[in-house]
């Protein structure tokens, strides 16, 4: 359990790094945090996080409804959670 927590923390730290002047959209942050806390990133090495993140951003932005829902802080209903999980899994 402790090892998984440490690994999740490292993945989140890597994934949430932002370039100066280029903050991540809330939808991107939510998707990354969801994926990490649900164990969906457990198979990734730290060196793979950036490429996964790029694929995830593309996947999220290809679903304007989901992207807008997450950006506006809407509740994660079962339907939204299903859409988000599908989006994440397609990026893996």
Protein backbone atom coordinates (compact mmCIF):
# COMPACT_ATOMS: atom_id res chain seq x y z
CA UNK A 1 0.00 0.00 0.00
CA UNK A 2 2.79 2.45 0.90
CA UNK A 3 4.72 1.62 -2.27
CA UNK A 4 1.59 2.22 -4.38
CA UNK A 5 1.05 5.58 -2.66
CA UNK A 6 4.62 6.63 -3.36
CA UNK A 7 4.38 5.52 -6.98
CA UNK A 8 1.08 7.35 -7.44
CA UNK A 9 2.63 10.48 -5.93
CA UNK A 10 5.58 10.32 -8.31
CA UNK A 11 3.28 9.85 -11.31
CA UNK A 12 1.09 12.77 -10.24
CA UNK A 13 4.10 15.01 -9.67
CA UNK A 14 5.42 14.23 -13.14
CA UNK A 15 2.03 14.56 -14.84
CA UNK A 16 1.06 17.84 -13.22
CA UNK A 17 4.27 19.67 -14.11
CA UNK A 18 3.36 22.73 -16.11
CA UNK A 19 5.41 24.86 -18.44
CA UNK A 20 5.84 28.49 -17.43
CA UNK A 21 3.01 30.48 -18.97
CA UNK A 22 1.19 27.33 -20.12
CA UNK A 23 -1.07 26.17 -17.29
CA UNK A 24 -3.00 22.94 -17.69
CA UNK A 25 -6.73 23.27 -18.22
CA UNK A 26 -8.79 22.03 -15.27
CA UNK A 27 -10.08 19.16 -17.44
CA UNK A 28 -6.52 17.94 -18.00
CA UNK A 29 -5.69 18.16 -14.31
CA UNK A 30 -8.87 16.33 -13.31
CA UNK A 31 -8.26 13.57 -15.85
CA UNK A 32 -4.67 13.02 -14.69
CA UNK A 33 -5.61 13.01 -11.00
CA UNK A 34 -8.51 10.63 -11.66
CA UNK A 35 -6.31 8.26 -13.66
CA UNK A 36 -3.56 8.23 -11.04
CA UNK A 37 -5.82 7.83 -8.01
CA UNK A 38 -7.83 5.05 -9.67
CA UNK A 39 -4.65 3.09 -10.42
CA UNK A 40 -4.97 3.48 -14.18
CA UNK A 41 -1.39 4.74 -14.50
CA UNK A 42 0.17 1.96 -12.44
CA UNK A 43 1.56 0.25 -15.52
CA UNK A 44 3.39 3.37 -16.74
CA UNK A 45 7.01 4.18 -16.08
CA UNK A 46 7.80 7.78 -15.16
CA UNK A 47 9.47 8.18 -18.55
CA UNK A 48 6.14 7.32 -20.25
CA UNK A 49 4.01 9.88 -18.42
CA UNK A 50 4.59 12.79 -20.83
CA UNK A 51 3.65 10.82 -23.95
CA UNK A 52 0.57 9.43 -22.17
CA UNK A 53 -0.36 12.95 -21.14
CA UNK A 54 -0.12 14.17 -24.75
CA UNK A 55 -2.38 11.34 -25.91
CA UNK A 56 -4.80 12.05 -23.06
CA UNK A 57 -5.02 15.75 -23.92
CA UNK A 58 -5.81 14.87 -27.54
CA UNK A 59 -8.40 12.33 -26.45
CA UNK A 60 -10.06 14.78 -24.03
CA UNK A 61 -10.16 17.59 -26.55
CA UNK A 62 -11.77 15.29 -29.13
CA UNK A 63 -14.80 15.07 -26.79
CA UNK A 64 -15.89 18.72 -26.41
CA UNK A 65 -18.80 17.83 -24.14
CA UNK A 66 -16.61 15.96 -21.63
CA UNK A 67 -13.88 18.61 -21.84
CA UNK A 68 -16.39 21.40 -21.08
CA UNK A 69 -18.03 19.41 -18.28
CA UNK A 70 -14.69 18.86 -16.53
CA UNK A 71 -13.51 22.43 -17.12
CA UNK A 72 -16.62 23.80 -15.46
CA UNK A 73 -16.25 21.65 -12.36
CA UNK A 74 -19.40 19.61 -12.84
CA UNK A 75 -19.99 16.65 -10.57
CA UNK A 76 -18.54 13.33 -11.70
CA UNK A 77 -21.79 11.50 -12.34
CA UNK A 78 -21.55 7.83 -13.29
CA UNK A 79 -22.02 8.83 -16.95
CA UNK A 80 -19.25 11.46 -16.84
CA UNK A 81 -16.99 9.06 -14.97
CA UNK A 82 -17.59 6.39 -17.63
CA UNK A 83 -16.73 8.89 -20.40
CA UNK A 84 -13.61 9.98 -18.54
CA UNK A 85 -12.44 6.41 -17.92
CA UNK A 86 -12.96 5.56 -21.61
CA UNK A 87 -10.99 8.62 -22.62
CA UNK A 88 -8.13 7.67 -20.29
CA UNK A 89 -8.11 4.04 -21.39
CA UNK A 90 -7.96 5.07 -25.05
CA UNK A 91 -4.86 7.17 -24.27
CA UNK A 92 -3.12 4.29 -22.50
